[in-house]
């Protein structure tokens, strides 16, 4: 199921990215490509299944390959894992 979320944190050294969905859920993933992610970026894609996914920006022009590590997380859990 495709969702929209905003990047709230990105740690370049580990590739970890934290997002907040429009319904307030938190998602933790690890980027597996070299595209540049930044805080505040809005992304769309499947964020509710463990494993590899491709997320796209709002324009649909750029895509980001990630490995989803967790969803339905609290903000504290995401911050702890960053």
PDB file of N, CA and C in Angstrom:
ATOM      1  N   UNK A   1       0.838  -1.168   0.000  1.00  0.00           N
ATOM      2  CA  UNK A   1       0.000   0.000   0.000  1.00  0.00           C
ATOM      3  C   UNK A   1       0.895   1.249   0.000  1.00  0.00           C
ATOM      4  N   UNK A   2       0.648   2.136  -0.927  1.00  0.00           N
ATOM      5  CA  UNK A   2       1.443   3.349  -1.045  1.00  0.00           C
ATOM      6  C   UNK A   2       0.999   4.395  -0.018  1.00  0.00           C
ATOM      7  N   UNK A   3       1.989   5.021   0.601  1.00  0.00           N
ATOM      8  CA  UNK A   3       1.739   6.069   1.592  1.00  0.00           C
ATOM      9  C   UNK A   3       2.628   7.263   1.283  1.00  0.00           C
ATOM     10  N   UNK A   4       2.280   8.384   1.872  1.00  0.00           N
ATOM     11  CA  UNK A   4       3.117   9.577   1.780  1.00  0.00           C
ATOM     12  C   UNK A   4       3.715   9.846   3.155  1.00  0.00           C
ATOM     13  N   UNK A   5       4.998  10.205   3.168  1.00  0.00           N
ATOM     14  CA  UNK A   5       5.682  10.490   4.435  1.00  0.00           C
ATOM     15  C   UNK A   5       6.762  11.535   4.198  1.00  0.00           C
ATOM     16  N   UNK A   6       7.164  12.182   5.283  1.00  0.00           N
ATOM     17  CA  UNK A   6       8.192  13.219   5.239  1.00  0.00           C
ATOM     18  C   UNK A   6       9.419  12.749   6.012  1.00  0.00           C
ATOM     19  N   UNK A   7      10.580  12.949   5.418  1.00  0.00           N
ATOM     20  CA  UNK A   7      11.836  12.594   6.079  1.00  0.00           C
ATOM     21  C   UNK A   7      12.032  13.533   7.270  1.00  0.00           C
ATOM     22  N   UNK A   8      12.173  12.945   8.466  1.00  0.00           N
ATOM     23  CA  UNK A   8      12.398  13.757   9.666  1.00  0.00           C
ATOM     24  C   UNK A   8      13.842  13.667  10.148  1.00  0.00           C
ATOM     25  N   UNK A   9      14.564  12.640   9.672  1.00  0.00           N
ATOM     26  CA  UNK A   9      15.975  12.499  10.043  1.00  0.00           C
ATOM     27  C   UNK A   9      16.664  11.608   9.010  1.00  0.00           C
ATOM     28  N   UNK A  10      17.922  11.927   8.747  1.00  0.00           N
ATOM     29  CA  UNK A  10      18.734  11.114   7.841  1.00  0.00           C
ATOM     30  C   UNK A  10      20.153  11.094   8.361  1.00  0.00           C
ATOM     31  N   UNK A  11      20.701   9.908   8.538  1.00  0.00           N
ATOM     32  CA  UNK A  11      22.067   9.759   9.034  1.00  0.00           C
ATOM     33  C   UNK A  11      22.913   9.199   7.890  1.00  0.00           C
ATOM     34  N   UNK A  12      23.689  10.067   7.286  1.00  0.00           N
ATOM     35  CA  UNK A  12      24.447   9.691   6.106  1.00  0.00           C
ATOM     36  C   UNK A  12      25.433   8.545   6.365  1.00  0.00           C
ATOM     37  N   UNK A  13      26.051   8.521   7.536  1.00  0.00           N
ATOM     38  CA  UNK A  13      27.067   7.504   7.824  1.00  0.00           C
ATOM     39  C   UNK A  13      26.511   6.088   7.816  1.00  0.00           C
ATOM     40  N   UNK A  14      25.256   5.919   8.221  1.00  0.00           N
ATOM     41  CA  UNK A  14      24.650   4.583   8.246  1.00  0.00           C
ATOM     42  C   UNK A  14      23.618   4.396   7.145  1.00  0.00           C
ATOM     43  N   UNK A  15      23.170   5.492   6.536  1.00  0.00           N
ATOM     44  CA  UNK A  15      22.123   5.406   5.525  1.00  0.00           C
ATOM     45  C   UNK A  15      20.728   5.295   6.116  1.00  0.00           C
ATOM     46  N   UNK A  16      20.641   5.395   7.429  1.00  0.00           N
ATOM     47  CA  UNK A  16      19.327   5.279   8.077  1.00  0.00           C
ATOM     48  C   UNK A  16      18.495   6.528   7.853  1.00  0.00           C
ATOM     49  N   UNK A  17      17.211   6.309   7.608  1.00  0.00           N
ATOM     50  CA  UNK A  17      16.286   7.398   7.375  1.00  0.00           C
ATOM     51  C   UNK A  17      15.026   7.169   8.201  1.00  0.00           C
ATOM     52  N   UNK A  18      14.547   8.228   8.838  1.00  0.00           N
ATOM     53  CA  UNK A  18      13.318   8.169   9.624  1.00  0.00           C
ATOM     54  C   UNK A  18      12.290   9.065   8.953  1.00  0.00           C
ATOM     55  N   UNK A  19      11.046   8.567   8.887  1.00  0.00           N
ATOM     56  CA  UNK A  19       9.980   9.319   8.261  1.00  0.00           C
ATOM     57  C   UNK A  19       8.752   9.348   9.150  1.00  0.00           C
ATOM     58  N   UNK A  20       7.922  10.367   8.927  1.00  0.00           N
ATOM     59  CA  UNK A  20       6.633  10.471   9.607  1.00  0.00           C
ATOM     60  C   UNK A  20       5.569  10.499   8.526  1.00  0.00           C
ATOM     61  N   UNK A  21       4.623   9.548   8.606  1.00  0.00           N
ATOM     62  CA  UNK A  21       3.556   9.478   7.611  1.00  0.00           C
ATOM     63  C   UNK A  21       2.493  10.529   7.906  1.00  0.00           C
ATOM     64  N   UNK A  22       1.603  10.746   6.940  1.00  0.00           N
ATOM     65  CA  UNK A  22       0.553  11.749   7.113  1.00  0.00           C
ATOM     66  C   UNK A  22      -0.394  11.395   8.253  1.00  0.00           C
ATOM     67  N   UNK A  23      -0.499  10.109   8.600  1.00  0.00           N
ATOM     68  CA  UNK A  23      -1.372   9.721   9.720  1.00  0.00           C
ATOM     69  C   UNK A  23      -0.616   9.598  11.044  1.00  0.00           C
ATOM     70  N   UNK A  24       0.636  10.104  11.082  1.00  0.00           N
ATOM     71  CA  UNK A  24       1.371  10.173  12.341  1.00  0.00           C
ATOM     72  C   UNK A  24       2.201   8.964  12.706  1.00  0.00           C
ATOM     73  N   UNK A  25       2.293   7.985  11.815  1.00  0.00           N
ATOM     74  CA  UNK A  25       3.137   6.817  12.084  1.00  0.00           C
ATOM     75  C   UNK A  25       4.594   7.141  11.761  1.00  0.00           C
ATOM     76  N   UNK A  26       5.511   6.435  12.376  1.00  0.00           N
ATOM     77  CA  UNK A  26       6.935   6.605  12.108  1.00  0.00           C
ATOM     78  C   UNK A  26       7.477   5.361  11.439  1.00  0.00           C
ATOM     79  N   UNK A  27       8.348   5.576  10.462  1.00  0.00           N
ATOM     80  CA  UNK A  27       8.930   4.500   9.662  1.00  0.00           C
ATOM     81  C   UNK A  27      10.448   4.633   9.731  1.00  0.00           C
ATOM     82  N   UNK A  28      11.132   3.502   9.831  1.00  0.00           N
ATOM     83  CA  UNK A  28      12.591   3.476   9.838  1.00  0.00           C
ATOM     84  C   UNK A  28      13.048   2.621   8.663  1.00  0.00           C
ATOM     85  N   UNK A  29      13.993   3.148   7.895  1.00  0.00           N
ATOM     86  CA  UNK A  29      14.513   2.418   6.744  1.00  0.00           C
ATOM     87  C   UNK A  29      16.001   2.695   6.608  1.00  0.00           C
ATOM     88  N   UNK A  30      16.632   1.926   5.730  1.00  0.00           N
ATOM     89  CA  UNK A  30      18.034   2.134   5.410  1.00  0.00           C
ATOM     90  C   UNK A  30      18.127   2.326   3.903  1.00  0.00           C
ATOM     91  N   UNK A  31      18.736   3.413   3.492  1.00  0.00           N
ATOM     92  CA  UNK A  31      18.869   3.695   2.074  1.00  0.00           C
ATOM     93  C   UNK A  31      19.880   2.748   1.453  1.00  0.00           C
ATOM     94  N   UNK A  32      19.556   2.197   0.269  1.00  0.00           N
ATOM     95  CA  UNK A  32      20.437   1.234  -0.388  1.00  0.00           C
ATOM     96  C   UNK A  32      20.983   1.751  -1.720  1.00  0.00           C
ATOM     97  N   UNK A  33      20.670   3.001  -2.060  1.00  0.00           N
ATOM     98  CA  UNK A  33      21.245   3.601  -3.262  1.00  0.00           C
ATOM     99  C   UNK A  33      22.013   4.858  -2.869  1.00  0.00           C
ATOM    100  N   UNK A  34      22.514   5.580  -3.873  1.00  0.00           N
ATOM    101  CA  UNK A  34      23.336   6.755  -3.566  1.00  0.00           C
ATOM    102  C   UNK A  34      22.623   8.080  -3.822  1.00  0.00           C
ATOM    103  N   UNK A  35      21.318   8.051  -4.037  1.00  0.00           N
ATOM    104  CA  UNK A  35      20.561   9.293  -4.224  1.00  0.00           C
ATOM    105  C   UNK A  35      20.628  10.122  -2.948  1.00  0.00           C
ATOM    106  N   UNK A  36      20.551  11.428  -3.088  1.00  0.00           N
ATOM    107  CA  UNK A  36      20.680  12.317  -1.937  1.00  0.00           C
ATOM    108  C   UNK A  36      19.330  12.502  -1.247  1.00  0.00           C
ATOM    109  N   UNK A  37      19.237  12.046  -0.013  1.00  0.00           N
ATOM    110  CA  UNK A  37      18.048  12.262   0.818  1.00  0.00           C
ATOM    111  C   UNK A  37      18.313  13.453   1.729  1.00  0.00           C
ATOM    112  N   UNK A  38      17.241  14.163   2.076  1.00  0.00           N
ATOM    113  CA  UNK A  38      17.398  15.292   2.983  1.00  0.00           C
ATOM    114  C   UNK A  38      16.154  15.429   3.850  1.00  0.00           C
ATOM    115  N   UNK A  39      16.348  16.013   4.993  1.00  0.00           N
ATOM    116  CA  UNK A  39      15.252  16.265   5.923  1.00  0.00           C
ATOM    117  C   UNK A  39      14.219  17.170   5.243  1.00  0.00           C
ATOM    118  N   UNK A  40      12.928  16.853   5.443  1.00  0.00           N
ATOM    119  CA  UNK A  40      11.851  17.635   4.857  1.00  0.00           C
ATOM    120  C   UNK A  40      11.365  17.123   3.517  1.00  0.00           C
ATOM    121  N   UNK A  41      12.081  16.174   2.912  1.00  0.00           N
ATOM    122  CA  UNK A  41      11.693  15.607   1.628  1.00  0.00           C
ATOM    123  C   UNK A  41      10.429  14.770   1.793  1.00  0.00           C
ATOM    124  N   UNK A  42       9.472  14.936   0.897  1.00  0.00           N
ATOM    125  CA  UNK A  42       8.234  14.168   0.934  1.00  0.00           C
ATOM    126  C   UNK A  42       8.358  12.993  -0.038  1.00  0.00           C
ATOM    127  N   UNK A  43       8.089  11.789   0.458  1.00  0.00           N
ATOM    128  CA  UNK A  43       8.243  10.572  -0.342  1.00  0.00           C
ATOM    129  C   UNK A  43       6.952   9.769  -0.367  1.00  0.00           C
ATOM    130  N   UNK A  44       6.775   8.994  -1.439  1.00  0.00           N
ATOM    131  CA  UNK A  44       5.618   8.126  -1.600  1.00  0.00           C
ATOM    132  C   UNK A  44       6.089   6.711  -1.904  1.00  0.00           C
ATOM    133  N   UNK A  45       5.416   5.728  -1.296  1.00  0.00           N
ATOM    134  CA  UNK A  45       5.747   4.334  -1.565  1.00  0.00           C
ATOM    135  C   UNK A  45       5.209   3.426  -0.481  1.00  0.00           C
ATOM    136  N   UNK A  46       5.526   2.148  -0.608  1.00  0.00           N
ATOM    137  CA  UNK A  46       5.092   1.162   0.377  1.00  0.00           C
ATOM    138  C   UNK A  46       5.981   1.291   1.609  1.00  0.00           C
ATOM    139  N   UNK A  47       5.355   1.620   2.729  1.00  0.00           N
ATOM    140  CA  UNK A  47       6.107   1.817   3.967  1.00  0.00           C
ATOM    141  C   UNK A  47       5.603   0.910   5.080  1.00  0.00           C
ATOM    142  N   UNK A  48       4.885  -0.141   4.706  1.00  0.00           N
ATOM    143  CA  UNK A  48       4.283  -1.029   5.710  1.00  0.00           C
ATOM    144  C   UNK A  48       4.688  -2.481   5.544  1.00  0.00           C
ATOM    145  N   UNK A  49       5.807  -2.726   4.887  1.00  0.00           N
ATOM    146  CA  UNK A  49       6.288  -4.095   4.731  1.00  0.00           C
ATOM    147  C   UNK A  49       7.796  -4.117   4.899  1.00  0.00           C
ATOM    148  N   UNK A  50       8.284  -5.133   5.579  1.00  0.00           N
ATOM    149  CA  UNK A  50       9.711  -5.317   5.793  1.00  0.00           C
ATOM    150  C   UNK A  50      10.372  -5.688   4.474  1.00  0.00           C
ATOM    151  N   UNK A  51      11.487  -5.038   4.169  1.00  0.00           N
ATOM    152  CA  UNK A  51      12.255  -5.424   2.997  1.00  0.00           C
ATOM    153  C   UNK A  51      12.501  -4.302   2.026  1.00  0.00           C
ATOM    154  N   UNK A  52      13.020  -4.650   0.838  1.00  0.00           N
ATOM    155  CA  UNK A  52      13.389  -3.639  -0.150  1.00  0.00           C
ATOM    156  C   UNK A  52      12.173  -2.968  -0.779  1.00  0.00           C
ATOM    157  N   UNK A  53      12.276  -1.663  -0.965  1.00  0.00           N
ATOM    158  CA  UNK A  53      11.209  -0.873  -1.583  1.00  0.00           C
ATOM    159  C   UNK A  53      11.839   0.253  -2.403  1.00  0.00           C
ATOM    160  N   UNK A  54      11.053   0.815  -3.308  1.00  0.00           N
ATOM    161  CA  UNK A  54      11.452   2.002  -4.058  1.00  0.00           C
ATOM    162  C   UNK A  54      10.436   3.086  -3.726  1.00  0.00           C
ATOM    163  N   UNK A  55      10.923   4.192  -3.191  1.00  0.00           N
ATOM    164  CA  UNK A  55      10.065   5.338  -2.871  1.00  0.00           C
ATOM    165  C   UNK A  55      10.345   6.439  -3.879  1.00  0.00           C
ATOM    166  N   UNK A  56       9.327   7.241  -4.184  1.00  0.00           N
ATOM    167  CA  UNK A  56       9.454   8.344  -5.136  1.00  0.00           C
ATOM    168  C   UNK A  56       9.142   9.671  -4.460  1.00  0.00           C
ATOM    169  N   UNK A  57       9.754  10.730  -4.976  1.00  0.00           N
ATOM    170  CA  UNK A  57       9.424  12.061  -4.462  1.00  0.00           C
ATOM    171  C   UNK A  57       8.057  12.473  -5.011  1.00  0.00           C
ATOM    172  N   UNK A  58       7.550  13.615  -4.549  1.00  0.00           N
ATOM    173  CA  UNK A  58       6.213  14.062  -4.950  1.00  0.00           C
ATOM    174  C   UNK A  58       6.054  14.253  -6.454  1.00  0.00           C
ATOM    175  N   UNK A  59       7.119  14.646  -7.118  1.00  0.00           N
ATOM    176  CA  UNK A  59       7.039  14.867  -8.568  1.00  0.00           C
ATOM    177  C   UNK A  59       7.042  13.557  -9.344  1.00  0.00           C
ATOM    178  N   UNK A  60       7.480  12.478  -8.687  1.00  0.00           N
ATOM    179  CA  UNK A  60       7.588  11.181  -9.356  1.00  0.00           C
ATOM    180  C   UNK A  60       8.834  11.059 -10.213  1.00  0.00           C
ATOM    181  N   UNK A  61       9.660  12.107 -10.213  1.00  0.00           N
ATOM    182  CA  UNK A  61      10.866  12.136 -11.046  1.00  0.00           C
ATOM    183  C   UNK A  61      12.040  11.381 -10.418  1.00  0.00           C
ATOM    184  N   UNK A  62      12.221  11.543  -9.116  1.00  0.00           N
ATOM    185  CA  UNK A  62      13.350  10.902  -8.429  1.00  0.00           C
ATOM    186  C   UNK A  62      12.856   9.705  -7.637  1.00  0.00           C
ATOM    187  N   UNK A  63      13.664   8.677  -7.608  1.00  0.00           N
ATOM    188  CA  UNK A  63      13.324   7.510  -6.805  1.00  0.00           C
ATOM    189  C   UNK A  63      14.484   7.164  -5.886  1.00  0.00           C
ATOM    190  N   UNK A  64      14.137   6.533  -4.788  1.00  0.00           N
ATOM    191  CA  UNK A  64      15.094   6.187  -3.739  1.00  0.00           C
ATOM    192  C   UNK A  64      14.894   4.726  -3.362  1.00  0.00           C
ATOM    193  N   UNK A  65      15.966   3.965  -3.408  1.00  0.00           N
ATOM    194  CA  UNK A  65      15.911   2.560  -3.021  1.00  0.00           C
ATOM    195  C   UNK A  65      16.233   2.457  -1.540  1.00  0.00           C
ATOM    196  N   UNK A  66      15.357   1.759  -0.806  1.00  0.00           N
ATOM    197  CA  UNK A  66      15.514   1.624   0.641  1.00  0.00           C
ATOM    198  C   UNK A  66      15.198   0.190   1.065  1.00  0.00           C
ATOM    199  N   UNK A  67      15.581  -0.117   2.288  1.00  0.00           N
ATOM    200  CA  UNK A  67      15.203  -1.367   2.936  1.00  0.00           C
ATOM    201  C   UNK A  67      14.435  -0.977   4.187  1.00  0.00           C
ATOM    202  N   UNK A  68      13.146  -1.265   4.212  1.00  0.00           N
ATOM    203  CA  UNK A  68      12.298  -0.896   5.343  1.00  0.00           C
ATOM    204  C   UNK A  68      12.623  -1.804   6.529  1.00  0.00           C
ATOM    205  N   UNK A  69      12.978  -1.178   7.659  1.00  0.00           N
ATOM    206  CA  UNK A  69      13.344  -1.907   8.873  1.00  0.00           C
ATOM    207  C   UNK A  69      12.197  -2.002   9.878  1.00  0.00           C
ATOM    208  N   UNK A  70      11.282  -1.021   9.846  1.00  0.00           N
ATOM    209  CA  UNK A  70      10.169  -1.025  10.800  1.00  0.00           C
ATOM    210  C   UNK A  70       9.177   0.072  10.479  1.00  0.00           C
ATOM    211  N   UNK A  71       7.940  -0.133  10.905  1.00  0.00           N
ATOM    212  CA  UNK A  71       6.864   0.840  10.707  1.00  0.00           C
ATOM    213  C   UNK A  71       5.949   0.780  11.907  1.00  0.00           C
ATOM    214  N   UNK A  72       5.015   1.704  12.001  1.00  0.00           N
ATOM    215  CA  UNK A  72       4.150   1.819  13.181  1.00  0.00           C
ATOM    216  C   UNK A  72       4.974   1.992  14.450  1.00  0.00           C
ATOM    217  N   UNK A  73       6.077   2.703  14.334  1.00  0.00           N
ATOM    218  CA  UNK A  73       6.977   2.916  15.461  1.00  0.00           C
ATOM    219  C   UNK A  73       6.665   4.228  16.164  1.00  0.00           C
ATOM    220  N   UNK A  74       7.101   4.332  17.406  1.00  0.00           N
ATOM    221  CA  UNK A  74       6.999   5.612  18.121  1.00  0.00           C
ATOM    222  C   UNK A  74       8.184   6.475  17.701  1.00  0.00           C
ATOM    223  N   UNK A  75       8.057   7.750  17.914  1.00  0.00           N
ATOM    224  CA  UNK A  75       9.173   8.656  17.594  1.00  0.00           C
ATOM    225  C   UNK A  75      10.396   8.295  18.423  1.00  0.00           C
ATOM    226  N   UNK A  76      10.186   7.927  19.683  1.00  0.00           N
ATOM    227  CA  UNK A  76      11.294   7.558  20.560  1.00  0.00           C
ATOM    228  C   UNK A  76      12.036   6.328  20.026  1.00  0.00           C
ATOM    229  N   UNK A  77      11.302   5.348  19.524  1.00  0.00           N
ATOM    230  CA  UNK A  77      11.931   4.136  18.983  1.00  0.00           C
ATOM    231  C   UNK A  77      12.766   4.469  17.766  1.00  0.00           C
ATOM    232  N   UNK A  78      12.248   5.331  16.909  1.00  0.00           N
ATOM    233  CA  UNK A  78      12.986   5.723  15.715  1.00  0.00           C
ATOM    234  C   UNK A  78      14.248   6.486  16.104  1.00  0.00           C
ATOM    235  N   UNK A  79      14.131   7.412  17.034  1.00  0.00           N
ATOM    236  CA  UNK A  79      15.302   8.186  17.456  1.00  0.00           C
ATOM    237  C   UNK A  79      16.366   7.292  18.082  1.00  0.00           C
ATOM    238  N   UNK A  80      15.950   6.290  18.834  1.00  0.00           N
ATOM    239  CA  UNK A  80      16.875   5.360  19.455  1.00  0.00           C
ATOM    240  C   UNK A  80      17.652   4.552  18.417  1.00  0.00           C
ATOM    241  N   UNK A  81      17.000   4.201  17.316  1.00  0.00           N
ATOM    242  CA  UNK A  81      17.627   3.374  16.279  1.00  0.00           C
ATOM    243  C   UNK A  81      18.423   4.162  15.253  1.00  0.00           C
ATOM    244  N   UNK A  82      18.293   5.474  15.278  1.00  0.00           N
ATOM    245  CA  UNK A  82      19.032   6.296  14.315  1.00  0.00           C
ATOM    246  C   UNK A  82      20.506   6.288  14.678  1.00  0.00           C
TER     247      UNK A  82
END
